[in-house]
Structure formats: C-alpha cells, structure tokens
C-alpha cells in the first residue's frame, strides 16, 4: 500500500544503471537473499532462513508500511535491469536490503537512500526515521549516517535514526 494520499510511481530512475521499481507479487527470486545467514543477522537479528510463505508475509507487511520497491541494477554489458534488493520508503522506517552479495558495499544503498530523501523533500516531508539499526550492523549505520541521519533513541539492540529535512 502506498503512503496514504500519495501516488507511488512505477519507477524511480536513479542512474542509467540503477532504478527502483514498484513491488510486484512475483518475489520468488528474492528467497535466496533471505536465506543468507549474514544478511538475516543484519536484517532480523537472527539467522532463521525464510521460506516462501514467510517471504510473502514479510513483503505484504512492508507493502502496508509505505512504498515498497525492488532495487534494480543493470550491468554495463546488459540491456535489462534485474532485481538486486528491496527497500521500503515510509516516514517511520526505511528498511533496505542489497541481496546480491556481489553488489554489497558498492554504494548502491547510498544512491537509493539519497533518491528516497529527494522524494521525501519533493513530498514536503519534514522528517524521515529508521525504526532500528542494530549497533553491530556497521554498514547500515554508516549508510544512513553518510546520508545525514543521526542516531537518537536507544532500542534493545541498537538505535533509531532520524533525518530532519
């Protein structure tokens, strides 16, 4: 479900090789992302792998929290985009996963978050929040801090993050 009163675009072009595409129920390709123990620890704080039922439940939950997108990348030698992760854009949380391990740490997350900050400004939001980033998830902390978010309230395993716009 898009954000109330706001039309979710079908795509948000970030660069010639990176875009966000509105979520579609076809998500079987993403199952591998949520079976990787390292990814699961960073996302869920535990390593229990997802099955298709749990994956679909997660995506339907996220769809109810804001604008859910596939992060799509096009290799330089390719003519088409392929999903490499997912992100949910909402005022109260912005969960993001780069599921393709070969593209983690390459700056894709930063480009995605910056594009969503620009969207928030266009929509005249005054603040964006991230509900929780675990303290041991150094990559996510750095990603959001590099984009201007600041840690605020402590949570059980980490902190909430806020960006005033």
N, C-alpha and C. Protein backbone atom coordinates (compact mmCIF):
# COMPACT_ATOMS: atom_id res chain seq x y z
N UNK A 1 0.85 -1.17 0.00
CA UNK A 1 0.00 0.00 0.00
C UNK A 1 0.89 1.24 0.00
N UNK A 2 0.69 2.10 -0.96
CA UNK A 2 1.46 3.34 -0.95
C UNK A 2 1.13 4.20 0.27
N UNK A 3 1.89 5.23 0.46
CA UNK A 3 1.65 6.16 1.56
C UNK A 3 0.31 6.85 1.32
N UNK A 4 -0.51 6.92 2.35
CA UNK A 4 -1.86 7.48 2.22
C UNK A 4 -1.84 8.84 1.54
N UNK A 5 -2.66 8.95 0.49
CA UNK A 5 -2.80 10.21 -0.22
C UNK A 5 -1.70 10.51 -1.22
N UNK A 6 -0.76 9.59 -1.40
CA UNK A 6 0.36 9.82 -2.30
C UNK A 6 0.41 8.68 -3.32
N UNK A 7 0.52 9.03 -4.57
CA UNK A 7 0.61 8.03 -5.63
C UNK A 7 2.05 7.54 -5.74
N UNK A 8 2.22 6.24 -5.63
CA UNK A 8 3.55 5.64 -5.75
C UNK A 8 3.92 5.53 -7.22
N UNK A 9 5.07 6.04 -7.61
CA UNK A 9 5.48 5.90 -9.01
C UNK A 9 5.83 4.44 -9.34
N UNK A 10 5.65 4.08 -10.59
CA UNK A 10 6.01 2.73 -11.03
C UNK A 10 7.51 2.53 -10.99
N UNK A 11 8.26 3.57 -11.33
CA UNK A 11 9.72 3.50 -11.26
C UNK A 11 10.28 4.84 -10.79
N UNK A 12 11.41 4.77 -10.14
CA UNK A 12 12.21 5.95 -9.81
C UNK A 12 13.58 5.68 -10.41
N UNK A 13 13.93 6.43 -11.43
CA UNK A 13 15.23 6.27 -12.06
C UNK A 13 16.28 7.00 -11.23
N UNK A 14 17.33 6.30 -10.88
CA UNK A 14 18.40 6.86 -10.06
C UNK A 14 19.60 7.18 -10.94
N UNK A 15 19.93 6.27 -11.84
CA UNK A 15 21.02 6.47 -12.79
C UNK A 15 20.74 5.60 -14.01
N UNK A 16 21.65 5.59 -14.95
CA UNK A 16 21.44 4.77 -16.14
C UNK A 16 21.53 3.27 -15.82
N UNK A 17 22.07 2.93 -14.66
CA UNK A 17 22.21 1.52 -14.30
C UNK A 17 21.49 1.15 -13.00
N UNK A 18 20.72 2.08 -12.44
CA UNK A 18 20.06 1.81 -11.16
C UNK A 18 18.69 2.47 -11.13
N UNK A 19 17.71 1.70 -10.69
CA UNK A 19 16.36 2.25 -10.55
C UNK A 19 15.61 1.49 -9.46
N UNK A 20 14.51 2.10 -9.03
CA UNK A 20 13.58 1.45 -8.13
C UNK A 20 12.33 1.15 -8.93
N UNK A 21 11.81 -0.07 -8.79
CA UNK A 21 10.58 -0.46 -9.48
C UNK A 21 9.56 -0.89 -8.45
N UNK A 22 8.36 -0.37 -8.58
CA UNK A 22 7.27 -0.68 -7.67
C UNK A 22 7.15 -2.19 -7.48
N UNK A 23 6.97 -2.60 -6.24
CA UNK A 23 6.86 -4.00 -5.87
C UNK A 23 5.79 -4.72 -6.68
N UNK A 24 6.11 -5.93 -7.09
CA UNK A 24 5.13 -6.84 -7.68
C UNK A 24 5.18 -8.12 -6.86
N UNK A 25 4.07 -8.85 -6.87
CA UNK A 25 3.99 -10.06 -6.05
C UNK A 25 4.95 -11.16 -6.48
N UNK A 26 5.54 -11.05 -7.64
CA UNK A 26 6.50 -12.04 -8.10
C UNK A 26 7.80 -11.83 -7.33
N UNK A 27 7.98 -12.63 -6.28
CA UNK A 27 9.14 -12.39 -5.41
C UNK A 27 9.98 -13.64 -5.16
N UNK A 28 9.71 -14.72 -5.89
CA UNK A 28 10.44 -15.97 -5.66
C UNK A 28 11.95 -15.79 -5.80
N UNK A 29 12.36 -14.90 -6.72
CA UNK A 29 13.80 -14.68 -6.94
C UNK A 29 14.49 -14.13 -5.69
N UNK A 30 13.73 -13.51 -4.78
CA UNK A 30 14.30 -12.88 -3.60
C UNK A 30 14.53 -13.87 -2.45
N UNK A 31 14.03 -15.08 -2.59
CA UNK A 31 14.15 -16.04 -1.49
C UNK A 31 15.60 -16.27 -1.09
N UNK A 32 16.51 -16.36 -2.04
CA UNK A 32 17.93 -16.57 -1.72
C UNK A 32 18.48 -15.47 -0.82
N UNK A 33 18.01 -14.23 -1.01
CA UNK A 33 18.50 -13.12 -0.20
C UNK A 33 18.20 -13.35 1.28
N UNK A 34 17.04 -13.95 1.54
CA UNK A 34 16.58 -14.12 2.92
C UNK A 34 16.84 -15.53 3.44
N UNK A 35 17.82 -16.18 2.86
CA UNK A 35 18.33 -17.44 3.38
C UNK A 35 19.80 -17.32 3.75
N UNK A 36 20.41 -16.21 3.39
CA UNK A 36 21.81 -15.95 3.72
C UNK A 36 21.92 -15.55 5.18
N UNK A 37 22.67 -16.31 5.96
CA UNK A 37 22.76 -16.09 7.41
C UNK A 37 23.27 -14.70 7.77
N UNK A 38 24.28 -14.23 7.06
CA UNK A 38 24.84 -12.91 7.37
C UNK A 38 23.80 -11.80 7.13
N UNK A 39 23.10 -11.88 6.01
CA UNK A 39 22.05 -10.91 5.71
C UNK A 39 20.96 -10.97 6.77
N UNK A 40 20.53 -12.18 7.12
CA UNK A 40 19.47 -12.34 8.11
C UNK A 40 19.86 -11.75 9.47
N UNK A 41 21.09 -11.94 9.87
CA UNK A 41 21.54 -11.40 11.14
C UNK A 41 21.46 -9.87 11.13
N UNK A 42 21.84 -9.26 10.02
CA UNK A 42 21.81 -7.80 9.92
C UNK A 42 20.39 -7.26 9.83
N UNK A 43 19.51 -8.01 9.17
CA UNK A 43 18.13 -7.56 8.96
C UNK A 43 17.23 -7.90 10.14
N UNK A 44 17.29 -9.15 10.62
CA UNK A 44 16.36 -9.64 11.64
C UNK A 44 16.99 -9.82 13.01
N UNK A 45 18.30 -9.79 13.09
CA UNK A 45 18.95 -10.03 14.37
C UNK A 45 19.03 -11.51 14.72
N UNK A 46 18.67 -12.37 13.79
CA UNK A 46 18.77 -13.82 13.96
C UNK A 46 18.98 -14.44 12.59
N UNK A 47 19.29 -15.72 12.56
CA UNK A 47 19.68 -16.35 11.30
C UNK A 47 18.67 -17.36 10.78
N UNK A 48 17.42 -17.29 11.23
CA UNK A 48 16.40 -18.23 10.76
C UNK A 48 16.06 -17.94 9.30
N UNK A 49 16.33 -18.89 8.40
CA UNK A 49 16.07 -18.64 6.98
C UNK A 49 14.57 -18.56 6.69
N UNK A 50 14.23 -17.76 5.69
CA UNK A 50 12.85 -17.61 5.25
C UNK A 50 12.47 -18.76 4.33
N UNK A 51 11.19 -19.09 4.33
CA UNK A 51 10.62 -19.93 3.28
C UNK A 51 9.70 -19.02 2.47
N UNK A 52 9.07 -19.54 1.41
CA UNK A 52 8.25 -18.68 0.54
C UNK A 52 7.09 -18.05 1.30
N UNK A 53 6.47 -18.79 2.20
CA UNK A 53 5.34 -18.24 2.95
C UNK A 53 5.79 -17.04 3.78
N UNK A 54 6.87 -17.20 4.50
CA UNK A 54 7.38 -16.11 5.35
C UNK A 54 7.83 -14.92 4.50
N UNK A 55 8.47 -15.20 3.35
CA UNK A 55 8.91 -14.14 2.45
C UNK A 55 7.71 -13.32 1.97
N UNK A 56 6.68 -14.00 1.52
CA UNK A 56 5.47 -13.30 1.05
C UNK A 56 4.82 -12.51 2.17
N UNK A 57 4.77 -13.06 3.38
CA UNK A 57 4.21 -12.35 4.52
C UNK A 57 5.01 -11.08 4.82
N UNK A 58 6.34 -11.19 4.76
CA UNK A 58 7.19 -10.03 5.01
C UNK A 58 6.91 -8.93 3.98
N UNK A 59 6.88 -9.30 2.70
CA UNK A 59 6.66 -8.30 1.67
C UNK A 59 5.27 -7.68 1.77
N UNK A 60 4.27 -8.44 2.12
CA UNK A 60 2.93 -7.86 2.27
C UNK A 60 2.88 -6.94 3.49
N UNK A 61 3.60 -7.29 4.54
CA UNK A 61 3.70 -6.39 5.69
C UNK A 61 4.38 -5.08 5.28
N UNK A 62 5.52 -5.19 4.59
CA UNK A 62 6.25 -3.98 4.17
C UNK A 62 5.41 -3.12 3.23
N UNK A 63 4.64 -3.76 2.39
CA UNK A 63 3.78 -3.04 1.46
C UNK A 63 2.76 -2.18 2.23
N UNK A 64 2.38 -2.62 3.40
CA UNK A 64 1.46 -1.87 4.24
C UNK A 64 2.12 -0.75 5.03
N UNK A 65 3.46 -0.68 4.99
CA UNK A 65 4.20 0.32 5.76
C UNK A 65 4.64 1.52 4.92
N UNK A 66 4.50 1.42 3.61
CA UNK A 66 4.93 2.52 2.75
C UNK A 66 5.08 2.04 1.33
N UNK A 67 5.91 2.71 0.58
CA UNK A 67 6.14 2.36 -0.82
C UNK A 67 7.23 1.30 -0.90
N UNK A 68 6.88 0.13 -1.35
CA UNK A 68 7.82 -0.97 -1.44
C UNK A 68 8.35 -1.05 -2.87
N UNK A 69 9.67 -1.12 -3.00
CA UNK A 69 10.32 -1.14 -4.30
C UNK A 69 11.33 -2.28 -4.40
N UNK A 70 11.50 -2.78 -5.62
CA UNK A 70 12.65 -3.61 -5.95
C UNK A 70 13.77 -2.65 -6.34
N UNK A 71 14.95 -2.90 -5.84
CA UNK A 71 16.13 -2.17 -6.30
C UNK A 71 16.64 -2.94 -7.50
N UNK A 72 16.68 -2.28 -8.65
CA UNK A 72 17.10 -2.96 -9.87
C UNK A 72 18.38 -2.34 -10.42
N UNK A 73 19.25 -3.22 -10.88
CA UNK A 73 20.56 -2.83 -11.39
C UNK A 73 20.72 -3.39 -12.80
N UNK A 74 21.39 -2.62 -13.63
CA UNK A 74 21.71 -3.07 -14.99
C UNK A 74 23.22 -3.05 -15.13
N UNK A 75 23.78 -4.21 -15.38
CA UNK A 75 25.23 -4.30 -15.60
C UNK A 75 25.58 -3.54 -16.87
N UNK A 76 26.79 -3.03 -16.93
CA UNK A 76 27.22 -2.24 -18.09
C UNK A 76 27.11 -3.01 -19.40
N UNK A 77 27.27 -4.32 -19.36
CA UNK A 77 27.21 -5.12 -20.58
C UNK A 77 25.82 -5.73 -20.81
N UNK A 78 24.80 -5.21 -20.11
CA UNK A 78 23.46 -5.76 -20.21
C UNK A 78 22.49 -4.73 -20.79
N UNK A 79 21.37 -5.22 -21.27
CA UNK A 79 20.34 -4.33 -21.80
C UNK A 79 19.11 -4.29 -20.90
N UNK A 80 19.11 -5.08 -19.82
CA UNK A 80 17.94 -5.08 -18.95
C UNK A 80 18.33 -5.01 -17.47
N UNK A 81 17.37 -4.53 -16.69
CA UNK A 81 17.54 -4.41 -15.24
C UNK A 81 17.14 -5.72 -14.57
N UNK A 82 17.84 -6.04 -13.48
CA UNK A 82 17.49 -7.21 -12.67
C UNK A 82 17.39 -6.79 -11.20
N UNK A 83 16.46 -7.37 -10.46
CA UNK A 83 16.34 -7.04 -9.04
C UNK A 83 17.57 -7.51 -8.26
N UNK A 84 18.09 -6.61 -7.42
CA UNK A 84 19.25 -6.94 -6.59
C UNK A 84 19.00 -6.66 -5.11
N UNK A 85 17.81 -6.16 -4.79
CA UNK A 85 17.48 -5.84 -3.41
C UNK A 85 16.10 -5.25 -3.31
N UNK A 86 15.75 -4.83 -2.11
CA UNK A 86 14.45 -4.21 -1.88
C UNK A 86 14.59 -3.08 -0.87
N UNK A 87 13.64 -2.15 -0.93
CA UNK A 87 13.61 -1.03 0.00
C UNK A 87 12.17 -0.59 0.18
N UNK A 88 11.83 -0.20 1.40
CA UNK A 88 10.52 0.35 1.70
C UNK A 88 10.70 1.79 2.12
N UNK A 89 9.96 2.69 1.46
CA UNK A 89 10.03 4.11 1.75
C UNK A 89 8.80 4.51 2.55
N UNK A 90 9.05 4.88 3.80
CA UNK A 90 7.98 5.36 4.66
C UNK A 90 8.53 6.43 5.59
N UNK A 91 7.65 7.18 6.20
CA UNK A 91 8.08 8.23 7.13
C UNK A 91 8.71 7.65 8.39
N UNK A 92 8.25 6.47 8.80
CA UNK A 92 8.68 5.90 10.08
C UNK A 92 9.75 4.83 9.97
N UNK A 93 10.06 4.39 8.75
CA UNK A 93 11.10 3.38 8.59
C UNK A 93 11.48 3.27 7.12
N UNK A 94 12.74 2.91 6.88
CA UNK A 94 13.25 2.72 5.52
C UNK A 94 14.13 1.48 5.50
N UNK A 95 13.52 0.29 5.65
CA UNK A 95 14.34 -0.92 5.58
C UNK A 95 14.86 -1.15 4.16
N UNK A 96 16.11 -1.52 4.07
CA UNK A 96 16.76 -1.73 2.77
C UNK A 96 17.63 -2.98 2.84
N UNK A 97 17.61 -3.75 1.77
CA UNK A 97 18.48 -4.92 1.64
C UNK A 97 19.05 -4.94 0.22
N UNK A 98 20.35 -5.04 0.15
CA UNK A 98 21.01 -5.35 -1.12
C UNK A 98 21.27 -6.85 -1.06
N UNK A 99 20.46 -7.61 -1.78
CA UNK A 99 20.51 -9.06 -1.67
C UNK A 99 21.60 -9.71 -2.48
N UNK A 100 22.06 -9.05 -3.51
CA UNK A 100 23.13 -9.61 -4.34
C UNK A 100 24.47 -9.33 -3.66
N UNK A 101 25.12 -10.35 -3.12
CA UNK A 101 26.36 -10.11 -2.38
C UNK A 101 27.48 -9.49 -3.21
N UNK A 102 27.44 -9.67 -4.53
CA UNK A 102 28.49 -9.08 -5.37
C UNK A 102 28.32 -7.57 -5.50
N UNK A 103 27.14 -7.05 -5.11
CA UNK A 103 26.89 -5.61 -5.21
C UNK A 103 26.85 -4.92 -3.86
N UNK A 104 27.00 -5.67 -2.78
CA UNK A 104 27.04 -5.06 -1.45
C UNK A 104 28.34 -4.28 -1.28
N UNK A 105 28.24 -3.13 -0.63
CA UNK A 105 29.42 -2.31 -0.40
C UNK A 105 29.88 -1.53 -1.62
N UNK A 106 29.05 -1.44 -2.64
CA UNK A 106 29.42 -0.75 -3.88
C UNK A 106 28.77 0.63 -4.01
N UNK A 107 28.06 1.08 -2.96
CA UNK A 107 27.45 2.41 -2.99
C UNK A 107 26.02 2.43 -3.49
N UNK A 108 25.46 1.27 -3.82
CA UNK A 108 24.08 1.23 -4.31
C UNK A 108 23.11 1.69 -3.22
N UNK A 109 23.30 1.22 -2.02
CA UNK A 109 22.41 1.62 -0.92
C UNK A 109 22.39 3.12 -0.72
N UNK A 110 23.55 3.75 -0.79
CA UNK A 110 23.63 5.19 -0.61
C UNK A 110 22.88 5.93 -1.71
N UNK A 111 23.01 5.48 -2.95
CA UNK A 111 22.28 6.10 -4.07
C UNK A 111 20.78 5.94 -3.87
N UNK A 112 20.35 4.77 -3.41
CA UNK A 112 18.92 4.52 -3.17
C UNK A 112 18.40 5.43 -2.06
N UNK A 113 19.10 5.48 -0.95
CA UNK A 113 18.63 6.31 0.18
C UNK A 113 18.62 7.78 -0.21
N UNK A 114 19.62 8.23 -0.92
CA UNK A 114 19.63 9.64 -1.37
C UNK A 114 18.45 9.93 -2.31
N UNK A 115 18.11 8.99 -3.17
CA UNK A 115 16.95 9.18 -4.06
C UNK A 115 15.66 9.26 -3.24
N UNK A 116 15.57 8.46 -2.19
CA UNK A 116 14.37 8.49 -1.36
C UNK A 116 14.30 9.75 -0.50
N UNK A 117 15.46 10.26 -0.09
CA UNK A 117 15.48 11.55 0.61
C UNK A 117 14.98 12.65 -0.33
N UNK A 118 15.43 12.61 -1.57
CA UNK A 118 14.96 13.60 -2.56
C UNK A 118 13.45 13.47 -2.76
N UNK A 119 12.94 12.25 -2.80
CA UNK A 119 11.49 12.05 -2.93
C UNK A 119 10.77 12.63 -1.71
N UNK A 120 11.30 12.39 -0.53
CA UNK A 120 10.69 12.92 0.69
C UNK A 120 10.64 14.45 0.66
N UNK A 121 11.69 15.06 0.18
CA UNK A 121 11.71 16.53 0.08
C UNK A 121 10.68 17.02 -0.93
N UNK A 122 10.57 16.33 -2.05
CA UNK A 122 9.56 16.69 -3.06
C UNK A 122 8.16 16.58 -2.48
N UNK A 123 7.95 15.58 -1.63
CA UNK A 123 6.65 15.37 -1.00
C UNK A 123 6.45 16.27 0.23
N UNK A 124 7.47 17.09 0.53
CA UNK A 124 7.45 18.04 1.64
C UNK A 124 7.33 17.37 3.01
N UNK A 125 7.97 16.21 3.15
CA UNK A 125 8.08 15.60 4.46
C UNK A 125 9.02 16.46 5.30
N UNK A 126 8.81 16.50 6.59
CA UNK A 126 9.70 17.27 7.45
C UNK A 126 10.76 16.42 8.14
N UNK A 127 10.52 15.10 8.17
CA UNK A 127 11.46 14.20 8.84
C UNK A 127 11.30 12.80 8.27
N UNK A 128 12.40 12.04 8.29
CA UNK A 128 12.39 10.62 7.97
C UNK A 128 13.00 9.89 9.16
N UNK A 129 12.51 8.68 9.40
CA UNK A 129 13.01 7.88 10.51
C UNK A 129 13.38 6.48 10.04
N UNK A 130 14.32 5.89 10.75
CA UNK A 130 14.62 4.47 10.61
C UNK A 130 14.33 3.88 11.99
N UNK A 131 13.42 2.91 12.04
CA UNK A 131 12.94 2.39 13.32
C UNK A 131 14.06 1.81 14.18
N UNK A 132 14.97 1.05 13.55
CA UNK A 132 16.07 0.47 14.33
C UNK A 132 17.16 -0.01 13.39
N UNK A 133 18.38 0.33 13.76
CA UNK A 133 19.56 -0.28 13.15
C UNK A 133 20.35 -0.88 14.30
N UNK A 134 20.63 -2.17 14.18
CA UNK A 134 21.38 -2.84 15.23
C UNK A 134 22.78 -2.23 15.33
N UNK A 135 23.27 -2.09 16.55
CA UNK A 135 24.59 -1.49 16.76
C UNK A 135 25.69 -2.24 16.02
N UNK A 136 25.57 -3.56 15.88
CA UNK A 136 26.61 -4.33 15.21
C UNK A 136 26.51 -4.26 13.68
N UNK A 137 25.45 -3.64 13.16
CA UNK A 137 25.29 -3.51 11.71
C UNK A 137 25.99 -2.23 11.25
N UNK A 138 27.30 -2.30 11.22
CA UNK A 138 28.14 -1.15 10.92
C UNK A 138 27.85 -0.59 9.53
N UNK A 139 27.63 -1.46 8.55
CA UNK A 139 27.38 -0.99 7.17
C UNK A 139 26.10 -0.15 7.10
N UNK A 140 25.03 -0.58 7.75
CA UNK A 140 23.78 0.19 7.73
C UNK A 140 23.92 1.49 8.51
N UNK A 141 24.59 1.42 9.64
CA UNK A 141 24.80 2.66 10.41
C UNK A 141 25.55 3.67 9.56
N UNK A 142 26.62 3.23 8.92
CA UNK A 142 27.42 4.13 8.08
C UNK A 142 26.61 4.65 6.90
N UNK A 143 25.83 3.78 6.27
CA UNK A 143 24.99 4.19 5.14
C UNK A 143 24.08 5.35 5.54
N UNK A 144 23.31 5.17 6.59
CA UNK A 144 22.35 6.20 6.98
C UNK A 144 23.04 7.44 7.54
N UNK A 145 24.11 7.26 8.29
CA UNK A 145 24.84 8.42 8.81
C UNK A 145 25.46 9.23 7.66
N UNK A 146 26.00 8.55 6.65
CA UNK A 146 26.56 9.25 5.49
C UNK A 146 25.50 10.03 4.72
N UNK A 147 24.25 9.61 4.86
CA UNK A 147 23.14 10.30 4.19
C UNK A 147 22.50 11.36 5.10
N UNK A 148 23.09 11.60 6.27
CA UNK A 148 22.62 12.68 7.14
C UNK A 148 21.77 12.26 8.32
N UNK A 149 21.44 10.99 8.43
CA UNK A 149 20.65 10.52 9.57
C UNK A 149 21.52 10.52 10.82
N UNK A 150 20.88 10.73 11.97
CA UNK A 150 21.59 10.71 13.24
C UNK A 150 20.91 9.75 14.20
N UNK A 151 21.71 9.00 14.96
CA UNK A 151 21.17 8.09 15.96
C UNK A 151 20.47 8.91 17.04
N UNK A 152 19.31 8.42 17.45
CA UNK A 152 18.57 9.12 18.51
C UNK A 152 18.32 8.14 19.66
N UNK A 153 17.14 7.64 19.78
CA UNK A 153 16.77 6.79 20.91
C UNK A 153 17.43 5.41 20.83
N UNK A 154 17.85 4.92 21.99
CA UNK A 154 18.37 3.56 22.07
C UNK A 154 17.21 2.58 21.99
N UNK A 155 17.45 1.46 21.33
CA UNK A 155 16.49 0.36 21.27
C UNK A 155 17.14 -0.84 21.96
N UNK A 156 16.47 -1.96 21.95
CA UNK A 156 17.01 -3.14 22.61
C UNK A 156 18.36 -3.55 22.03
N UNK A 157 18.50 -3.48 20.69
CA UNK A 157 19.74 -3.93 20.05
C UNK A 157 20.50 -2.84 19.32
N UNK A 158 19.95 -1.62 19.32
CA UNK A 158 20.62 -0.57 18.57
C UNK A 158 20.04 0.80 18.83
N UNK A 159 19.73 1.52 17.76
CA UNK A 159 19.21 2.88 17.87
C UNK A 159 18.22 3.18 16.75
N UNK A 160 17.33 4.12 17.00
CA UNK A 160 16.53 4.69 15.93
C UNK A 160 17.38 5.78 15.30
N UNK A 161 17.08 6.09 14.06
CA UNK A 161 17.81 7.13 13.33
C UNK A 161 16.80 8.11 12.75
N UNK A 162 17.19 9.40 12.72
CA UNK A 162 16.29 10.44 12.26
C UNK A 162 17.05 11.38 11.32
N UNK A 163 16.33 11.83 10.30
CA UNK A 163 16.85 12.85 9.40
C UNK A 163 15.81 13.97 9.31
N UNK A 164 16.17 15.17 9.79
CA UNK A 164 15.32 16.35 9.61
C UNK A 164 15.52 16.86 8.21
N UNK A 165 14.41 17.15 7.52
CA UNK A 165 14.51 17.59 6.13
C UNK A 165 14.30 19.09 6.00
